[in-house]
Amino acid sequence: MKFFEKVTALLGNSVFKDVGELIDRFVTTGAEKQEMKKQLLELQHRHEVETVKLSLEAEQEFNQRIKDLEGTAKDLQQSGWLGKVVLFMRGAQRPLWGYFVAYMDYMVFAGNWTLKGNEKLESAFWIINFLVLGFLFGERAVKNVAPLVSEMMSKKK
């Protein structure tokens, strides 16, 4: 959704900016310029409101689809003790993986576990880190760290 909003805002704002420049270039009287710019601002505002409305509708449809496919916490609670176990497991997954990776990173970076000499183990270490940290902190965090890691890996070779 965010990507769509950014593209629409980028295209919409550039179009309105160009139109504003055209108004300045071809409309000669000050009153006409003010009226045209006022109408342009109203059009831009309507465009932004419509974009936000469409984005919100798309996000609501996506959330509803997730609820339909995966179910909600209420659905699981109705399933008795098994539903409660599944609900607990879903909730505990992030913290358990996070603490596991934090412990693993501590042991590797403190020098208690060595990865040198075993390329499969080293690549598994980095893949687990990227998967879990990407899941916990999002794609942006992984993208910010990826250049640093690739630089470190290229220096090792």
N, C-alpha and C. Protein backbone atom coordinates (compact mmCIF):
# COMPACT_ATOMS: atom_id res chain seq x y z
N MET A 1 0.82 -1.19 0.00
CA MET A 1 0.00 0.00 0.00
C MET A 1 0.87 1.27 0.00
N LYS A 2 1.91 1.24 0.81
CA LYS A 2 2.76 2.42 0.92
C LYS A 2 3.41 2.75 -0.42
N PHE A 3 3.84 1.72 -1.15
CA PHE A 3 4.47 1.94 -2.44
C PHE A 3 3.49 2.62 -3.39
N PHE A 4 2.24 2.12 -3.42
CA PHE A 4 1.22 2.71 -4.28
C PHE A 4 0.98 4.18 -3.92
N GLU A 5 0.92 4.46 -2.62
CA GLU A 5 0.71 5.84 -2.18
C GLU A 5 1.85 6.74 -2.62
N LYS A 6 3.09 6.24 -2.48
CA LYS A 6 4.25 7.05 -2.85
C LYS A 6 4.28 7.32 -4.35
N VAL A 7 3.99 6.30 -5.15
CA VAL A 7 4.00 6.48 -6.60
C VAL A 7 2.91 7.46 -7.01
N THR A 8 1.72 7.29 -6.45
CA THR A 8 0.62 8.17 -6.79
C THR A 8 0.92 9.61 -6.36
N ALA A 9 1.48 9.75 -5.17
CA ALA A 9 1.82 11.09 -4.69
C ALA A 9 2.89 11.72 -5.57
N LEU A 10 3.87 10.91 -5.94
CA LEU A 10 4.95 11.42 -6.78
C LEU A 10 4.41 11.86 -8.13
N LEU A 11 3.64 11.01 -8.77
CA LEU A 11 3.09 11.35 -10.08
C LEU A 11 2.09 12.49 -9.97
N GLY A 12 1.24 12.43 -8.98
CA GLY A 12 0.23 13.48 -8.82
C GLY A 12 0.85 14.83 -8.56
N ASN A 13 1.82 14.89 -7.66
CA ASN A 13 2.45 16.16 -7.32
C ASN A 13 3.24 16.72 -8.50
N SER A 14 3.90 15.85 -9.26
CA SER A 14 4.68 16.36 -10.39
C SER A 14 3.74 16.92 -11.46
N VAL A 15 2.59 16.26 -11.67
CA VAL A 15 1.63 16.76 -12.65
C VAL A 15 1.10 18.12 -12.21
N PHE A 16 0.74 18.24 -10.93
CA PHE A 16 0.20 19.51 -10.46
C PHE A 16 1.26 20.60 -10.47
N LYS A 17 2.49 20.25 -10.20
CA LYS A 17 3.57 21.22 -10.22
C LYS A 17 3.75 21.75 -11.64
N ASP A 18 3.74 20.84 -12.63
CA ASP A 18 3.90 21.24 -14.03
C ASP A 18 2.74 22.13 -14.47
N VAL A 19 1.52 21.80 -14.03
CA VAL A 19 0.36 22.61 -14.38
C VAL A 19 0.48 23.99 -13.76
N GLY A 20 0.98 24.04 -12.51
CA GLY A 20 1.20 25.34 -11.87
C GLY A 20 2.19 26.20 -12.63
N GLU A 21 3.23 25.56 -13.16
CA GLU A 21 4.20 26.30 -13.98
C GLU A 21 3.56 26.79 -15.28
N LEU A 22 2.69 25.96 -15.86
CA LEU A 22 1.99 26.38 -17.08
C LEU A 22 1.08 27.57 -16.81
N ILE A 23 0.42 27.56 -15.68
CA ILE A 23 -0.46 28.69 -15.33
C ILE A 23 0.38 29.96 -15.23
N ASP A 24 1.51 29.88 -14.54
CA ASP A 24 2.38 31.07 -14.41
C ASP A 24 2.86 31.55 -15.78
N ARG A 25 3.11 30.65 -16.69
CA ARG A 25 3.67 31.01 -17.98
C ARG A 25 2.64 31.61 -18.93
N PHE A 26 1.41 31.05 -18.95
CA PHE A 26 0.46 31.44 -19.99
C PHE A 26 -0.70 32.32 -19.52
N VAL A 27 -0.97 32.36 -18.23
CA VAL A 27 -2.05 33.22 -17.74
C VAL A 27 -1.41 34.54 -17.32
N THR A 28 -1.96 35.62 -17.83
CA THR A 28 -1.29 36.90 -17.65
C THR A 28 -1.81 37.70 -16.46
N THR A 29 -3.11 37.68 -16.19
CA THR A 29 -3.62 38.54 -15.12
C THR A 29 -3.50 37.83 -13.77
N GLY A 30 -3.30 38.63 -12.75
CA GLY A 30 -3.14 38.09 -11.40
C GLY A 30 -4.39 37.42 -10.89
N ALA A 31 -5.56 37.97 -11.21
CA ALA A 31 -6.82 37.39 -10.74
C ALA A 31 -7.04 36.01 -11.37
N GLU A 32 -6.75 35.89 -12.66
CA GLU A 32 -6.90 34.60 -13.32
C GLU A 32 -5.93 33.57 -12.73
N LYS A 33 -4.71 34.01 -12.46
CA LYS A 33 -3.72 33.10 -11.87
C LYS A 33 -4.20 32.59 -10.51
N GLN A 34 -4.70 33.51 -9.69
CA GLN A 34 -5.18 33.10 -8.37
C GLN A 34 -6.33 32.13 -8.47
N GLU A 35 -7.28 32.38 -9.37
CA GLU A 35 -8.43 31.51 -9.54
C GLU A 35 -8.00 30.13 -10.05
N MET A 36 -7.11 30.11 -11.03
CA MET A 36 -6.62 28.84 -11.57
C MET A 36 -5.86 28.06 -10.51
N LYS A 37 -5.03 28.74 -9.73
CA LYS A 37 -4.26 28.06 -8.69
C LYS A 37 -5.18 27.54 -7.59
N LYS A 38 -6.24 28.29 -7.29
CA LYS A 38 -7.20 27.84 -6.29
C LYS A 38 -7.90 26.57 -6.78
N GLN A 39 -8.32 26.56 -8.03
CA GLN A 39 -8.96 25.37 -8.59
C GLN A 39 -7.98 24.20 -8.64
N LEU A 40 -6.74 24.49 -8.94
CA LEU A 40 -5.72 23.46 -8.98
C LEU A 40 -5.50 22.85 -7.60
N LEU A 41 -5.47 23.68 -6.57
CA LEU A 41 -5.32 23.16 -5.20
C LEU A 41 -6.51 22.31 -4.79
N GLU A 42 -7.72 22.73 -5.18
CA GLU A 42 -8.91 21.93 -4.88
C GLU A 42 -8.85 20.58 -5.58
N LEU A 43 -8.42 20.59 -6.85
CA LEU A 43 -8.28 19.35 -7.60
C LEU A 43 -7.23 18.44 -6.96
N GLN A 44 -6.12 19.02 -6.54
CA GLN A 44 -5.07 18.25 -5.90
C GLN A 44 -5.58 17.65 -4.59
N HIS A 45 -6.33 18.44 -3.83
CA HIS A 45 -6.87 17.94 -2.55
C HIS A 45 -7.83 16.78 -2.80
N ARG A 46 -8.72 16.92 -3.79
CA ARG A 46 -9.65 15.83 -4.11
C ARG A 46 -8.89 14.58 -4.54
N HIS A 47 -7.83 14.78 -5.31
CA HIS A 47 -7.00 13.65 -5.75
C HIS A 47 -6.35 12.96 -4.56
N GLU A 48 -5.82 13.71 -3.62
CA GLU A 48 -5.18 13.13 -2.43
C GLU A 48 -6.20 12.39 -1.56
N VAL A 49 -7.38 12.97 -1.40
CA VAL A 49 -8.43 12.32 -0.60
C VAL A 49 -8.84 11.01 -1.26
N GLU A 50 -9.01 11.01 -2.57
CA GLU A 50 -9.39 9.79 -3.28
C GLU A 50 -8.29 8.74 -3.17
N THR A 51 -7.04 9.16 -3.26
CA THR A 51 -5.91 8.22 -3.13
C THR A 51 -5.89 7.59 -1.75
N VAL A 52 -6.08 8.39 -0.72
CA VAL A 52 -6.10 7.87 0.65
C VAL A 52 -7.28 6.92 0.83
N LYS A 53 -8.43 7.28 0.28
CA LYS A 53 -9.61 6.44 0.40
C LYS A 53 -9.39 5.09 -0.29
N LEU A 54 -8.82 5.10 -1.49
CA LEU A 54 -8.54 3.85 -2.20
C LEU A 54 -7.51 3.00 -1.46
N SER A 55 -6.51 3.65 -0.92
CA SER A 55 -5.48 2.93 -0.16
C SER A 55 -6.08 2.28 1.08
N LEU A 56 -6.94 2.99 1.78
CA LEU A 56 -7.59 2.46 2.97
C LEU A 56 -8.50 1.28 2.62
N GLU A 57 -9.24 1.40 1.53
CA GLU A 57 -10.10 0.30 1.11
C GLU A 57 -9.28 -0.94 0.76
N ALA A 58 -8.17 -0.74 0.06
CA ALA A 58 -7.31 -1.87 -0.31
C ALA A 58 -6.73 -2.53 0.94
N GLU A 59 -6.33 -1.73 1.91
CA GLU A 59 -5.78 -2.28 3.15
C GLU A 59 -6.84 -3.05 3.93
N GLN A 60 -8.07 -2.53 3.97
CA GLN A 60 -9.14 -3.22 4.65
C GLN A 60 -9.48 -4.54 3.95
N GLU A 61 -9.47 -4.55 2.62
CA GLU A 61 -9.72 -5.79 1.89
C GLU A 61 -8.63 -6.82 2.19
N PHE A 62 -7.39 -6.37 2.24
CA PHE A 62 -6.27 -7.27 2.55
C PHE A 62 -6.42 -7.85 3.95
N ASN A 63 -6.73 -7.00 4.93
CA ASN A 63 -6.91 -7.47 6.30
C ASN A 63 -8.07 -8.46 6.40
N GLN A 64 -9.15 -8.19 5.69
CA GLN A 64 -10.29 -9.11 5.71
C GLN A 64 -9.92 -10.45 5.08
N ARG A 65 -9.14 -10.40 4.03
CA ARG A 65 -8.69 -11.64 3.38
C ARG A 65 -7.84 -12.46 4.34
N ILE A 66 -6.95 -11.81 5.07
CA ILE A 66 -6.11 -12.51 6.05
C ILE A 66 -7.00 -13.14 7.12
N LYS A 67 -7.99 -12.39 7.60
CA LYS A 67 -8.90 -12.94 8.61
C LYS A 67 -9.66 -14.15 8.08
N ASP A 68 -10.09 -14.07 6.82
CA ASP A 68 -10.83 -15.18 6.23
C ASP A 68 -9.95 -16.42 6.06
N LEU A 69 -8.69 -16.20 5.66
CA LEU A 69 -7.81 -17.34 5.41
C LEU A 69 -7.24 -17.93 6.69
N GLU A 70 -6.79 -17.08 7.60
CA GLU A 70 -6.10 -17.57 8.79
C GLU A 70 -6.99 -17.67 10.02
N GLY A 71 -8.08 -16.98 10.03
CA GLY A 71 -8.93 -16.96 11.21
C GLY A 71 -8.46 -15.89 12.20
N THR A 72 -9.23 -15.71 13.23
CA THR A 72 -8.89 -14.71 14.24
C THR A 72 -8.66 -15.41 15.57
N ALA A 73 -8.24 -14.64 16.56
CA ALA A 73 -8.01 -15.20 17.90
C ALA A 73 -9.32 -15.74 18.48
N LYS A 74 -10.43 -15.11 18.19
CA LYS A 74 -11.73 -15.60 18.68
C LYS A 74 -12.04 -16.99 18.12
N ASP A 75 -11.69 -17.18 16.85
CA ASP A 75 -11.92 -18.50 16.24
C ASP A 75 -11.13 -19.58 16.97
N LEU A 76 -9.89 -19.27 17.31
CA LEU A 76 -9.05 -20.25 17.99
C LEU A 76 -9.51 -20.51 19.42
N GLN A 77 -9.99 -19.48 20.11
CA GLN A 77 -10.43 -19.66 21.48
C GLN A 77 -11.68 -20.55 21.55
N GLN A 78 -12.44 -20.57 20.49
CA GLN A 78 -13.63 -21.41 20.46
C GLN A 78 -13.30 -22.88 20.27
N SER A 79 -12.04 -23.17 19.93
CA SER A 79 -11.63 -24.56 19.66
C SER A 79 -11.15 -25.28 20.91
N GLY A 80 -11.43 -24.75 22.07
CA GLY A 80 -11.06 -25.40 23.32
C GLY A 80 -9.57 -25.28 23.62
N TRP A 81 -9.04 -26.28 24.32
CA TRP A 81 -7.65 -26.20 24.77
C TRP A 81 -6.67 -26.24 23.60
N LEU A 82 -6.99 -26.93 22.50
CA LEU A 82 -6.10 -26.98 21.35
C LEU A 82 -5.99 -25.60 20.69
N GLY A 83 -7.10 -24.91 20.61
CA GLY A 83 -7.08 -23.56 20.06
C GLY A 83 -6.25 -22.62 20.90
N LYS A 84 -6.34 -22.78 22.23
CA LYS A 84 -5.54 -21.94 23.11
C LYS A 84 -4.05 -22.23 22.96
N VAL A 85 -3.70 -23.49 22.76
CA VAL A 85 -2.29 -23.86 22.55
C VAL A 85 -1.79 -23.24 21.24
N VAL A 86 -2.58 -23.34 20.18
CA VAL A 86 -2.19 -22.77 18.89
C VAL A 86 -2.06 -21.25 19.01
N LEU A 87 -2.99 -20.64 19.71
CA LEU A 87 -2.93 -19.20 19.93
C LEU A 87 -1.66 -18.81 20.68
N PHE A 88 -1.31 -19.58 21.72
CA PHE A 88 -0.08 -19.31 22.46
C PHE A 88 1.14 -19.48 21.57
N MET A 89 1.16 -20.54 20.76
CA MET A 89 2.30 -20.79 19.88
C MET A 89 2.47 -19.66 18.86
N ARG A 90 1.35 -19.18 18.32
CA ARG A 90 1.43 -18.07 17.36
C ARG A 90 2.00 -16.83 18.03
N GLY A 91 1.59 -16.58 19.26
CA GLY A 91 2.07 -15.40 19.97
C GLY A 91 3.50 -15.54 20.46
N ALA A 92 3.93 -16.76 20.76
CA ALA A 92 5.27 -16.97 21.32
C ALA A 92 6.33 -17.12 20.25
N GLN A 93 5.94 -17.28 19.01
CA GLN A 93 6.91 -17.55 17.96
C GLN A 93 7.92 -16.43 17.78
N ARG A 94 7.47 -15.20 17.67
CA ARG A 94 8.40 -14.07 17.47
C ARG A 94 9.40 -13.94 18.62
N PRO A 95 8.94 -13.89 19.86
CA PRO A 95 9.94 -13.75 20.94
C PRO A 95 10.91 -14.92 21.01
N LEU A 96 10.43 -16.15 20.80
CA LEU A 96 11.33 -17.30 20.87
C LEU A 96 12.40 -17.24 19.78
N TRP A 97 12.00 -16.96 18.55
CA TRP A 97 12.98 -16.84 17.48
C TRP A 97 13.92 -15.66 17.73
N GLY A 98 13.37 -14.56 18.22
CA GLY A 98 14.20 -13.38 18.50
C GLY A 98 15.27 -13.66 19.54
N TYR A 99 14.86 -14.31 20.65
CA TYR A 99 15.84 -14.64 21.69
C TYR A 99 16.84 -15.68 21.22
N PHE A 100 16.39 -16.64 20.42
CA PHE A 100 17.30 -17.64 19.88
C PHE A 100 18.37 -16.98 19.02
N VAL A 101 17.97 -16.08 18.13
CA VAL A 101 18.93 -15.41 17.25
C VAL A 101 19.84 -14.48 18.05
N ALA A 102 19.29 -13.80 19.04
CA ALA A 102 20.13 -12.94 19.88
C ALA A 102 21.19 -13.76 20.61
N TYR A 103 20.80 -14.92 21.14
CA TYR A 103 21.75 -15.80 21.82
C TYR A 103 22.79 -16.32 20.83
N MET A 104 22.34 -16.75 19.67
CA MET A 104 23.25 -17.27 18.65
C MET A 104 24.24 -16.18 18.22
N ASP A 105 23.76 -14.97 17.99
CA ASP A 105 24.64 -13.87 17.59
C ASP A 105 25.65 -13.56 18.69
N TYR A 106 25.19 -13.55 19.93
CA TYR A 106 26.10 -13.29 21.04
C TYR A 106 27.22 -14.34 21.09
N MET A 107 26.83 -15.60 20.97
CA MET A 107 27.83 -16.67 21.04
C MET A 107 28.83 -16.59 19.89
N VAL A 108 28.37 -16.25 18.69
CA VAL A 108 29.27 -16.16 17.54
C VAL A 108 30.17 -14.94 17.66
N PHE A 109 29.58 -13.77 17.96
CA PHE A 109 30.37 -12.55 17.98
C PHE A 109 31.27 -12.45 19.21
N ALA A 110 30.94 -13.16 20.28
CA ALA A 110 31.81 -13.18 21.46
C ALA A 110 32.95 -14.16 21.29
N GLY A 111 32.90 -14.97 20.24
CA GLY A 111 33.97 -15.90 19.97
C GLY A 111 33.79 -17.26 20.62
N ASN A 112 32.67 -17.51 21.26
CA ASN A 112 32.43 -18.81 21.89
C ASN A 112 32.13 -19.89 20.86
N TRP A 113 31.50 -19.52 19.76
CA TRP A 113 31.23 -20.45 18.67
C TRP A 113 32.02 -19.96 17.46
N THR A 114 32.70 -20.82 16.78
CA THR A 114 33.44 -20.41 15.58
C THR A 114 32.74 -20.95 14.34
N LEU A 115 32.69 -20.11 13.33
CA LEU A 115 32.09 -20.50 12.07
C LEU A 115 33.14 -20.67 10.98
N LYS A 116 34.37 -20.28 11.27
CA LYS A 116 35.43 -20.33 10.26
C LYS A 116 35.72 -21.78 9.88
N GLY A 117 35.93 -21.97 8.59
CA GLY A 117 36.24 -23.29 8.10
C GLY A 117 35.02 -24.10 7.70
N ASN A 118 33.86 -23.69 8.12
CA ASN A 118 32.65 -24.41 7.75
C ASN A 118 31.73 -23.44 7.02
N GLU A 119 31.82 -23.43 5.69
CA GLU A 119 31.07 -22.46 4.89
C GLU A 119 29.56 -22.67 5.00
N LYS A 120 29.13 -23.92 5.11
CA LYS A 120 27.68 -24.20 5.22
C LYS A 120 27.13 -23.64 6.53
N LEU A 121 27.88 -23.81 7.60
CA LEU A 121 27.43 -23.29 8.89
C LEU A 121 27.41 -21.77 8.89
N GLU A 122 28.43 -21.16 8.28
CA GLU A 122 28.49 -19.70 8.21
C GLU A 122 27.35 -19.15 7.36
N SER A 123 27.07 -19.77 6.22
CA SER A 123 25.97 -19.27 5.39
C SER A 123 24.63 -19.50 6.09
N ALA A 124 24.48 -20.61 6.82
CA ALA A 124 23.25 -20.84 7.57
C ALA A 124 23.07 -19.78 8.64
N PHE A 125 24.16 -19.40 9.30
CA PHE A 125 24.11 -18.36 10.32
C PHE A 125 23.56 -17.05 9.74
N TRP A 126 24.10 -16.64 8.58
CA TRP A 126 23.65 -15.38 7.99
C TRP A 126 22.22 -15.48 7.46
N ILE A 127 21.86 -16.61 6.90
CA ILE A 127 20.49 -16.78 6.39
C ILE A 127 19.48 -16.74 7.53
N ILE A 128 19.78 -17.43 8.62
CA ILE A 128 18.87 -17.40 9.78
C ILE A 128 18.74 -15.98 10.31
N ASN A 129 19.86 -15.27 10.40
CA ASN A 129 19.81 -13.88 10.86
C ASN A 129 18.93 -13.03 9.96
N PHE A 130 19.13 -13.10 8.66
CA PHE A 130 18.33 -12.28 7.75
C PHE A 130 16.86 -12.66 7.78
N LEU A 131 16.56 -13.94 7.82
CA LEU A 131 15.16 -14.36 7.85
C LEU A 131 14.46 -13.90 9.12
N VAL A 132 15.08 -14.19 10.26
CA VAL A 132 14.42 -13.87 11.54
C VAL A 132 14.40 -12.37 11.78
N LEU A 133 15.52 -11.69 11.57
CA LEU A 133 15.53 -10.25 11.81
C LEU A 133 14.67 -9.50 10.79
N GLY A 134 14.63 -10.00 9.56
CA GLY A 134 13.74 -9.41 8.57
C GLY A 134 12.29 -9.58 8.96
N PHE A 135 11.95 -10.74 9.52
CA PHE A 135 10.59 -11.00 9.98
C PHE A 135 10.25 -10.13 11.19
N LEU A 136 11.20 -9.99 12.12
CA LEU A 136 10.94 -9.23 13.34
C LEU A 136 10.93 -7.72 13.09
N PHE A 137 11.89 -7.24 12.31
CA PHE A 137 12.06 -5.79 12.18
C PHE A 137 11.68 -5.26 10.81
N GLY A 138 11.35 -6.11 9.89
CA GLY A 138 10.88 -5.65 8.59
C GLY A 138 11.96 -5.59 7.54
N GLU A 139 11.48 -5.42 6.33
CA GLU A 139 12.35 -5.42 5.17
C GLU A 139 13.34 -4.26 5.19
N ARG A 140 12.91 -3.13 5.69
CA ARG A 140 13.77 -1.95 5.70
C ARG A 140 15.03 -2.17 6.53
N ALA A 141 14.90 -2.85 7.65
CA ALA A 141 16.07 -3.11 8.50
C ALA A 141 17.07 -3.99 7.76
N VAL A 142 16.57 -5.00 7.06
CA VAL A 142 17.47 -5.90 6.32
C VAL A 142 18.14 -5.13 5.18
N LYS A 143 17.39 -4.29 4.50
CA LYS A 143 17.97 -3.52 3.40
C LYS A 143 19.05 -2.56 3.90
N ASN A 144 18.86 -2.02 5.10
CA ASN A 144 19.86 -1.11 5.65
C ASN A 144 21.13 -1.83 6.07
N VAL A 145 21.01 -3.07 6.49
CA VAL A 145 22.16 -3.83 6.98
C VAL A 145 22.85 -4.61 5.86
N ALA A 146 22.13 -4.92 4.79
CA ALA A 146 22.67 -5.77 3.71
C ALA A 146 23.97 -5.23 3.12
N PRO A 147 24.11 -3.92 2.82
CA PRO A 147 25.37 -3.45 2.26
C PRO A 147 26.56 -3.67 3.21
N LEU A 148 26.35 -3.47 4.49
CA LEU A 148 27.41 -3.69 5.47
C LEU A 148 27.83 -5.15 5.50
N VAL A 149 26.87 -6.04 5.48
CA VAL A 149 27.17 -7.47 5.52
C VAL A 149 27.88 -7.91 4.24
N SER A 150 27.41 -7.43 3.10
CA SER A 150 28.07 -7.82 1.84
C SER A 150 29.50 -7.29 1.79
N GLU A 151 29.72 -6.11 2.34
CA GLU A 151 31.09 -5.56 2.42
C GLU A 151 31.96 -6.42 3.32
N MET A 152 31.42 -6.84 4.47
CA MET A 152 32.16 -7.71 5.38
C MET A 152 32.48 -9.04 4.72
N MET A 153 31.52 -9.59 4.00
CA MET A 153 31.73 -10.90 3.34
C MET A 153 32.76 -10.80 2.23
N SER A 154 32.76 -9.69 1.49
CA SER A 154 33.72 -9.54 0.39
C SER A 154 35.15 -9.36 0.94
N LYS A 155 35.29 -8.74 2.10
CA LYS A 155 36.61 -8.58 2.70
C LYS A 155 37.19 -9.90 3.19
N LYS A 156 36.31 -10.84 3.57
CA LYS A 156 36.77 -12.12 4.07
C LYS A 156 37.36 -12.98 2.96
N LYS A 157 36.90 -12.79 1.75
CA LYS A 157 37.34 -13.64 0.63
C LYS A 157 38.66 -13.23 0.14
